[in-house]
Amino acid sequence: MSNFDPAAATAGYLSALTPEQHARATAYTQGGHWLLLWSALIGLAISYLILRSGVLVRVRDAVQAKGSKPWRAALAVLFVGSLIEMVLGLPWTVYSDWAREKAYGLTSRPFGGWLGEYVLLTAISLMITLPLLALLYSLIRARPKSWWLWGAGAFSAVMLVLQVLAPVTIMPLINQYKPAPPGPVRDMVVAMAKANGVPSDKIFIYDGSKQSNRYTANVAGLFGTARVAMSDVMFNKDADLAEVRGVVGHEMGHYVHRHGLWLSAGFGGLALVTLFLIDRLFPLAVTLTRARGVGSLSDPAGYPVVSMLVTVLALLGTPLTSSLTRLAESDADTFSLTRFNEPDGLAKALAKTIEYRAATPSQLEEVIFYDHPAVGHRIRKAMDWKASHPKP
């Protein structure tokens, strides 16, 4: 292996796509960066319109006039506000989540199928988030000086609970998950799982092709609900055993290294900072937006102001959230290479993701926007590993 050149091997994998395909991938990726900004601006505009309309103030007053408890007023206001946000934001969501993907050939799903799933996911989201937000407003009333500290702890706890429950309650509503069928692939993955303390009966294939043409896999769940799932797109594209071994090894790295727990802690820390800033910035934001009829932070009619603050803080925090997940993904790559030594299999699989994730961004672009390491860097890492760890 002394004549092996990692740089040349990396270039060879990157050349699997034509210059035109690379240019298209770059356009899609960088367009996605602008999409973050436009989504934030549209979200701010929608929240401002709702705030200035005074509709949430009227809903709050109407519910309180009936003598209802504060949490019921909060729930009613949040429901109306979320519903208006969804309706006003739907045209942009159609473009960003479906039309744009369709234009780049990354989904073949008809609009009706996409819309039905969007409505389902929105309904599930509302059923989960609205009661939690109503409880948060109750917490603000009960603990006006320390609510943000308790709220961040609750956020981390909810993240953990959702990670445990999502694979068995929510995800099956969206996709069909089936155990990997008998054969060489299943036998290999079962052996990999047994050798690394991963449940060998938690390896699934799901019909991801109905949403996207992307070459992808994922890990979800914690403790007894954890499972590794591969999109059927991987098999539609004739993935070989080395590719499956490299990709599944990566996903097993997430499970073995408990990335779900670490990310819950990391995002919980970011939630702590976010809630603290909302507590301090809310009065200023009410003044700047000239919000009529809105009282203190505990007033649910001020929900659009909170939404605007979250939008701005989330946009500014993009480098942090991207870096958190990028570190976990890099560690999972290392796990795959270390435990299974399939650098070429991993590289071949990664090369297939270039069509929707530009391979060679600038360092600044990668730090700010990429929630996975750049494909070019990941392939080079695999080739460096191959150079220093030749197979017998």
Protein backbone atom coordinates (compact mmCIF):
# COMPACT_ATOMS: atom_id res chain seq x y z
CA MET A 1 0.00 0.00 0.00
CA SER A 2 3.10 2.26 -0.01
CA ASN A 3 2.21 3.56 -3.48
CA PHE A 4 -1.31 4.49 -2.46
CA ASP A 5 -2.00 8.22 -2.82
CA PRO A 6 -4.93 9.40 -0.61
CA ALA A 7 -5.23 12.71 -2.47
CA ALA A 8 -5.44 11.00 -5.86
CA ALA A 9 -7.93 8.45 -4.54
CA THR A 10 -10.09 11.25 -3.12
CA ALA A 11 -10.01 13.06 -6.45
CA GLY A 12 -11.03 9.83 -8.15
CA TYR A 13 -14.12 9.48 -5.99
CA LEU A 14 -15.06 13.11 -6.47
CA SER A 15 -14.75 12.70 -10.24
CA ALA A 16 -17.56 10.14 -10.13
CA LEU A 17 -19.78 13.16 -10.82
CA THR A 18 -19.31 15.33 -13.86
CA PRO A 19 -18.35 19.03 -13.53
CA GLU A 20 -21.94 19.89 -14.44
CA GLN A 21 -23.25 17.70 -11.61
CA HIS A 22 -20.83 19.28 -9.15
CA ALA A 23 -21.95 22.74 -10.27
CA ARG A 24 -25.58 21.75 -9.82
CA ALA A 25 -24.84 20.36 -6.34
CA THR A 26 -23.06 23.59 -5.41
CA ALA A 27 -25.99 25.67 -6.65
CA TYR A 28 -28.42 23.56 -4.65
CA THR A 29 -26.30 23.68 -1.49
CA GLN A 30 -25.56 27.40 -1.58
CA GLY A 31 -29.16 28.12 -2.48
CA GLY A 32 -30.05 26.26 0.70
CA HIS A 33 -27.91 28.70 2.67
CA TRP A 34 -29.94 31.60 1.28
CA LEU A 35 -33.06 29.63 2.03
CA LEU A 36 -32.24 29.89 5.74
CA LEU A 37 -32.19 33.67 5.50
CA TRP A 38 -35.35 33.93 3.40
CA SER A 39 -37.19 31.50 5.69
CA ALA A 40 -36.24 33.62 8.68
CA LEU A 41 -37.36 36.85 6.99
CA ILE A 42 -40.67 35.33 5.92
CA GLY A 43 -41.20 33.93 9.41
CA LEU A 44 -40.53 37.36 10.91
CA ALA A 45 -42.96 38.98 8.50
CA ILE A 46 -45.71 36.47 9.30
CA SER A 47 -45.22 36.90 13.06
CA TYR A 48 -45.29 40.68 12.69
CA LEU A 49 -48.53 40.55 10.68
CA ILE A 50 -50.18 38.36 13.31
CA LEU A 51 -48.97 40.65 16.07
CA ARG A 52 -50.14 43.85 14.40
CA SER A 53 -53.52 42.35 13.52
CA GLY A 54 -54.37 42.05 17.21
CA VAL A 55 -56.16 38.74 16.59
CA LEU A 56 -54.38 36.96 19.44
CA VAL A 57 -55.23 39.75 21.87
CA ARG A 58 -58.91 39.33 20.94
CA VAL A 59 -58.72 35.56 21.36
CA ARG A 60 -57.08 35.97 24.77
CA ASP A 61 -59.70 38.49 25.92
CA ALA A 62 -62.57 36.35 24.65
CA VAL A 63 -61.37 33.25 26.51
CA GLN A 64 -60.56 35.15 29.70
CA ALA A 65 -63.99 36.84 29.61
CA LYS A 66 -65.55 33.43 30.11
CA GLY A 67 -63.62 32.98 33.33
CA SER A 68 -61.39 30.27 31.93
CA LYS A 69 -58.11 29.45 33.62
CA PRO A 70 -54.94 31.10 32.21
CA TRP A 71 -53.62 27.88 30.68
CA ARG A 72 -56.78 27.54 28.58
CA ALA A 73 -56.35 31.08 27.27
CA ALA A 74 -52.72 30.26 26.46
CA LEU A 75 -53.73 27.08 24.64
CA ALA A 76 -56.38 28.89 22.59
CA VAL A 77 -54.04 31.73 21.65
CA LEU A 78 -51.23 29.34 20.70
CA PHE A 79 -53.56 27.22 18.59
CA VAL A 80 -54.91 30.19 16.64
CA GLY A 81 -51.45 31.71 16.22
CA SER A 82 -49.90 28.44 15.03
CA LEU A 83 -52.77 27.82 12.60
CA ILE A 84 -52.40 31.29 11.05
CA GLU A 85 -48.63 30.79 10.78
CA MET A 86 -49.14 27.51 8.99
CA VAL A 87 -51.66 28.94 6.50
CA LEU A 88 -49.66 32.08 5.72
CA GLY A 89 -46.41 30.18 5.47
CA LEU A 90 -47.74 27.34 3.31
CA PRO A 91 -46.82 28.87 -0.10
CA TRP A 92 -43.20 29.31 0.99
CA THR A 93 -43.12 25.83 2.51
CA VAL A 94 -44.42 24.36 -0.75
CA TYR A 95 -41.57 26.03 -2.61
CA SER A 96 -38.76 25.31 -0.15
CA ASP A 97 -39.71 21.74 0.81
CA TRP A 98 -41.26 20.38 -2.38
CA ALA A 99 -40.99 22.52 -5.53
CA ARG A 100 -37.29 23.20 -5.09
CA GLU A 101 -36.52 19.54 -4.38
CA LYS A 102 -38.52 18.61 -7.46
CA ALA A 103 -36.65 21.11 -9.61
CA TYR A 104 -33.30 19.62 -8.61
CA GLY A 105 -34.49 16.05 -9.17
CA LEU A 106 -34.17 15.15 -5.49
CA THR A 107 -37.75 13.95 -5.15
CA SER A 108 -40.20 12.33 -7.50
CA ARG A 109 -43.11 12.65 -5.09
CA PRO A 110 -46.34 14.15 -6.44
CA PHE A 111 -47.61 17.29 -4.76
CA GLY A 112 -50.66 15.57 -3.27
CA GLY A 113 -48.51 13.03 -1.47
CA TRP A 114 -46.23 15.72 -0.11
CA LEU A 115 -49.16 17.88 1.05
CA GLY A 116 -50.85 14.99 2.83
CA GLU A 117 -47.68 14.19 4.74
CA TYR A 118 -47.13 17.88 5.55
CA VAL A 119 -50.60 18.15 7.05
CA LEU A 120 -50.05 14.98 9.07
CA LEU A 121 -46.69 16.15 10.41
CA THR A 122 -48.13 19.57 11.24
CA ALA A 123 -50.99 17.98 13.17
CA ILE A 124 -48.57 15.76 15.11
CA SER A 125 -46.35 18.76 15.84
CA LEU A 126 -49.27 20.82 17.13
CA MET A 127 -50.47 18.00 19.37
CA ILE A 128 -47.03 17.80 20.94
CA THR A 129 -45.93 21.43 21.08
CA LEU A 130 -49.12 23.30 21.99
CA PRO A 131 -49.63 21.65 25.42
CA LEU A 132 -45.91 22.02 26.14
CA LEU A 133 -45.95 25.72 25.26
CA ALA A 134 -49.06 26.24 27.36
CA LEU A 135 -47.23 24.63 30.27
CA LEU A 136 -44.25 26.88 29.58
CA TYR A 137 -46.47 29.94 29.96
CA SER A 138 -47.71 28.51 33.25
CA LEU A 139 -44.08 28.12 34.31
CA ILE A 140 -43.36 31.75 33.40
CA ARG A 141 -46.26 32.87 35.63
CA ALA A 142 -45.16 30.63 38.49
CA ARG A 143 -41.40 31.30 38.24
CA PRO A 144 -41.00 34.69 36.55
CA LYS A 145 -37.34 35.06 37.51
CA SER A 146 -36.06 31.53 36.90
CA TRP A 147 -38.49 30.09 34.33
CA TRP A 148 -35.79 30.03 31.64
CA LEU A 149 -33.63 27.73 33.75
CA TRP A 150 -36.49 25.30 34.38
CA GLY A 151 -37.59 25.62 30.76
CA ALA A 152 -34.20 24.56 29.42
CA GLY A 153 -34.21 21.51 31.66
CA ALA A 154 -37.69 20.62 30.46
CA PHE A 155 -36.56 21.07 26.85
CA SER A 156 -33.75 18.54 27.30
CA ALA A 157 -36.12 16.11 29.01
CA VAL A 158 -38.66 16.42 26.19
CA MET A 159 -35.91 15.81 23.61
CA LEU A 160 -34.95 12.60 25.38
CA VAL A 161 -38.56 11.41 25.63
CA LEU A 162 -39.18 12.12 21.95
CA GLN A 163 -36.02 10.24 20.99
CA VAL A 164 -37.28 7.24 22.91
CA LEU A 165 -40.85 7.36 21.61
CA ALA A 166 -40.50 8.67 18.05
CA PRO A 167 -39.37 5.38 16.41
CA VAL A 168 -42.37 3.49 17.76
CA THR A 169 -45.07 6.18 17.70
CA ILE A 170 -44.37 8.91 15.12
CA MET A 171 -42.06 7.54 12.44
CA PRO A 172 -44.26 4.54 11.60
CA LEU A 173 -47.03 7.02 10.73
CA ILE A 174 -44.85 8.48 7.98
CA ASN A 175 -42.93 5.50 6.61
CA GLN A 176 -43.09 1.73 6.62
CA TYR A 177 -40.19 0.11 8.46
CA LYS A 178 -39.43 -3.50 7.71
CA PRO A 179 -36.66 -5.74 9.01
CA ALA A 180 -33.85 -6.19 6.54
CA PRO A 181 -34.73 -9.23 4.39
CA PRO A 182 -32.78 -12.49 4.74
CA GLY A 183 -29.62 -12.63 2.69
CA PRO A 184 -25.97 -11.56 2.68
CA VAL A 185 -26.74 -7.95 3.64
CA ARG A 186 -28.80 -8.92 6.67
CA ASP A 187 -26.29 -11.57 7.77
CA MET A 188 -23.46 -9.06 7.55
CA VAL A 189 -25.32 -6.32 9.46
CA VAL A 190 -26.41 -8.77 12.19
CA ALA A 191 -22.79 -9.85 12.65
CA MET A 192 -21.71 -6.20 12.83
CA ALA A 193 -24.35 -5.46 15.43
CA LYS A 194 -23.50 -8.43 17.63
CA ALA A 195 -19.81 -7.53 17.56
CA ASN A 196 -20.47 -3.98 18.75
CA GLY A 197 -23.25 -4.26 21.31
CA VAL A 198 -25.98 -3.05 18.96
CA PRO A 199 -29.39 -4.81 19.03
CA SER A 200 -29.16 -7.20 16.11
CA ASP A 201 -32.94 -7.19 15.61
CA LYS A 202 -33.10 -3.40 15.13
CA ILE A 203 -31.89 -3.14 11.53
CA PHE A 204 -34.61 -1.82 9.22
CA ILE A 205 -35.25 -0.71 5.67
CA TYR A 206 -37.82 2.03 5.14
CA ASP A 207 -39.56 3.40 2.07
CA GLY A 208 -37.64 6.67 2.02
CA SER A 209 -37.87 6.82 -1.77
CA LYS A 210 -41.44 8.08 -1.48
CA GLN A 211 -40.12 11.31 0.08
CA SER A 212 -36.74 11.76 -1.52
CA ASN A 213 -34.30 10.33 -4.02
CA ARG A 214 -31.45 10.98 -1.61
CA TYR A 215 -29.03 8.25 -0.63
CA THR A 216 -29.45 8.18 3.14
CA ALA A 217 -29.69 6.22 6.37
CA ASN A 218 -30.37 7.25 9.95
CA VAL A 219 -30.26 6.20 13.54
CA ALA A 220 -33.16 6.99 15.86
CA GLY A 221 -34.34 6.04 19.29
CA LEU A 222 -32.71 5.43 22.63
CA PHE A 223 -32.46 2.43 24.88
CA GLY A 224 -35.02 -0.20 23.88
CA THR A 225 -36.40 1.73 20.90
CA ALA A 226 -33.08 2.43 19.16
CA ARG A 227 -32.77 1.17 15.59
CA VAL A 228 -30.72 1.74 12.46
CA ALA A 229 -32.75 2.37 9.32
CA MET A 230 -31.62 2.52 5.70
CA SER A 231 -33.65 4.14 2.94
CA ASP A 232 -34.64 1.82 0.12
CA VAL A 233 -32.92 4.35 -2.16
CA MET A 234 -29.64 2.77 -1.08
CA PHE A 235 -30.72 -0.52 -2.53
CA ASN A 236 -32.38 0.98 -5.58
CA LYS A 237 -28.95 2.33 -6.44
CA ASP A 238 -27.38 -1.13 -6.15
CA ALA A 239 -25.27 -0.54 -3.06
CA ASP A 240 -22.69 -3.27 -2.60
CA LEU A 241 -21.79 -4.96 0.67
CA ALA A 242 -18.82 -2.66 1.28
CA GLU A 243 -21.04 0.42 0.97
CA VAL A 244 -23.68 -0.98 3.28
CA ARG A 245 -20.98 -1.98 5.76
CA GLY A 246 -19.47 1.50 5.72
CA VAL A 247 -22.80 3.33 6.06
CA VAL A 248 -24.33 1.02 8.66
CA GLY A 249 -21.07 1.16 10.59
CA HIS A 250 -21.46 4.94 10.67
CA GLU A 251 -25.02 4.67 12.01
CA MET A 252 -23.95 2.14 14.62
CA GLY A 253 -21.39 4.69 15.75
CA HIS A 254 -24.23 7.04 16.66
CA TYR A 255 -25.81 4.30 18.76
CA VAL A 256 -22.68 3.01 20.48
CA HIS A 257 -21.35 6.47 21.32
CA ARG A 258 -24.76 7.68 22.53
CA HIS A 259 -24.82 10.73 20.31
CA GLY A 260 -28.52 11.19 21.01
CA LEU A 261 -27.76 11.85 24.67
CA TRP A 262 -24.88 14.16 23.94
CA LEU A 263 -26.89 16.16 21.42
CA SER A 264 -29.77 16.46 23.88
CA ALA A 265 -27.35 17.95 26.40
CA GLY A 266 -25.79 20.24 23.79
CA PHE A 267 -29.08 21.53 22.44
CA GLY A 268 -30.34 21.84 26.00
CA GLY A 269 -27.45 24.22 26.66
CA LEU A 270 -28.36 26.25 23.60
CA ALA A 271 -31.99 26.28 24.77
CA LEU A 272 -30.82 27.66 28.12
CA VAL A 273 -29.06 30.58 26.42
CA THR A 274 -32.00 31.15 24.06
CA LEU A 275 -34.62 31.26 26.82
CA PHE A 276 -32.44 33.53 28.94
CA LEU A 277 -32.07 35.97 26.04
CA ILE A 278 -35.82 35.86 25.38
CA ASP A 279 -36.43 36.72 29.03
CA ARG A 280 -34.15 39.75 28.75
CA LEU A 281 -35.04 40.91 25.24
CA PHE A 282 -38.82 40.54 25.32
CA PRO A 283 -39.64 44.05 26.69
CA LEU A 284 -37.39 45.66 24.06
CA ALA A 285 -38.94 43.56 21.29
CA VAL A 286 -42.45 44.57 22.38
CA THR A 287 -41.42 48.22 22.19
CA LEU A 288 -39.76 47.87 18.79
CA THR A 289 -42.72 46.03 17.27
CA ARG A 290 -45.25 48.40 18.86
CA ALA A 291 -47.29 45.44 20.06
CA ARG A 292 -50.61 46.78 21.29
CA GLY A 293 -52.46 44.94 24.03
CA VAL A 294 -49.50 42.70 24.93
CA GLY A 295 -48.53 42.58 28.58
CA SER A 296 -45.55 40.85 30.15
CA LEU A 297 -43.74 37.77 28.89
CA SER A 298 -46.37 35.59 30.58
CA ASP A 299 -49.06 37.00 28.27
CA PRO A 300 -49.69 34.43 25.51
CA ALA A 301 -50.82 37.23 23.18
CA GLY A 302 -47.13 38.09 22.96
CA TYR A 303 -46.41 34.73 21.35
CA PRO A 304 -45.55 36.34 17.96
CA VAL A 305 -42.90 38.46 19.71
CA VAL A 306 -41.39 35.33 21.25
CA SER A 307 -41.55 33.62 17.86
CA MET A 308 -39.66 36.53 16.28
CA LEU A 309 -36.96 36.38 18.92
CA VAL A 310 -36.60 32.61 18.48
CA THR A 311 -36.31 33.05 14.70
CA VAL A 312 -33.53 35.64 14.99
CA LEU A 313 -31.63 33.72 17.68
CA ALA A 314 -31.92 30.45 15.75
CA LEU A 315 -30.54 32.09 12.63
CA LEU A 316 -27.63 33.60 14.54
CA GLY A 317 -27.01 30.27 16.24
CA THR A 318 -26.77 28.33 12.98
CA PRO A 319 -22.97 27.87 13.27
CA LEU A 320 -23.39 26.37 16.74
CA THR A 321 -26.20 23.98 15.87
CA SER A 322 -24.44 22.94 12.66
CA SER A 323 -21.18 22.33 14.50
CA LEU A 324 -22.81 20.21 17.20
CA THR A 325 -24.26 17.74 14.72
CA ARG A 326 -21.18 17.91 12.48
CA LEU A 327 -18.97 16.76 15.35
CA ALA A 328 -21.26 13.78 15.98
CA GLU A 329 -21.22 12.86 12.28
CA SER A 330 -17.43 13.06 12.14
CA ASP A 331 -17.17 10.81 15.18
CA ALA A 332 -19.53 8.30 13.57
CA ASP A 333 -17.29 8.22 10.48
CA THR A 334 -14.31 7.50 12.73
CA PHE A 335 -16.25 4.69 14.42
CA SER A 336 -17.10 3.12 11.07
CA LEU A 337 -13.50 3.22 9.87
CA THR A 338 -12.07 2.01 13.16
CA ARG A 339 -14.46 -0.86 13.80
CA PHE A 340 -15.16 -2.05 10.25
CA ASN A 341 -12.27 -0.77 8.11
CA GLU A 342 -14.32 -0.16 4.95
CA PRO A 343 -12.86 3.14 3.69
CA ASP A 344 -13.73 2.45 0.06
CA GLY A 345 -17.25 1.34 0.89
CA LEU A 346 -17.83 4.48 2.95
CA ALA A 347 -16.27 6.66 0.25
CA LYS A 348 -18.43 5.18 -2.49
CA ALA A 349 -21.56 5.77 -0.43
CA LEU A 350 -20.51 9.33 0.39
CA ALA A 351 -19.85 10.12 -3.27
CA LYS A 352 -23.51 9.42 -3.97
CA THR A 353 -24.54 12.19 -1.59
CA ILE A 354 -22.68 14.90 -3.51
CA GLU A 355 -25.72 15.55 -5.69
CA TYR A 356 -27.42 17.29 -2.76
CA ARG A 357 -24.43 18.37 -0.64
CA ALA A 358 -21.58 20.19 -2.36
CA ALA A 359 -18.33 18.27 -1.86
CA THR A 360 -15.78 21.06 -1.48
CA PRO A 361 -17.12 24.16 0.29
CA SER A 362 -14.89 26.81 1.83
CA GLN A 363 -13.89 26.26 5.45
CA LEU A 364 -16.06 29.17 6.59
CA GLU A 365 -19.08 27.84 4.67
CA GLU A 366 -18.63 24.40 6.20
CA VAL A 367 -18.35 25.77 9.75
CA ILE A 368 -21.44 27.95 9.43
CA PHE A 369 -23.84 25.83 7.41
CA TYR A 370 -22.81 22.16 7.20
CA ASP A 371 -24.37 19.81 9.73
CA HIS A 372 -22.21 17.02 8.22
CA PRO A 373 -18.53 17.34 7.36
CA ALA A 374 -18.01 18.18 3.69
CA VAL A 375 -18.03 15.06 1.53
CA GLY A 376 -14.58 15.87 0.14
CA HIS A 377 -13.16 15.98 3.66
CA ARG A 378 -14.95 12.79 4.67
CA ILE A 379 -13.67 10.88 1.67
CA ARG A 380 -10.13 12.18 2.23
CA LYS A 381 -10.38 11.05 5.85
CA ALA A 382 -11.38 7.57 4.66
CA MET A 383 -8.52 7.47 2.16
CA ASP A 384 -6.00 8.60 4.79
CA TRP A 385 -7.29 5.79 6.97
CA LYS A 386 -6.88 3.34 4.12
CA ALA A 387 -3.28 4.46 3.59
CA SER A 388 -2.38 3.93 7.25
CA HIS A 389 -4.48 0.82 7.84
CA PRO A 390 -4.10 -1.50 4.84
CA LYS A 391 -6.23 -4.60 4.87
CA PRO A 392 -4.39 -7.94 5.04
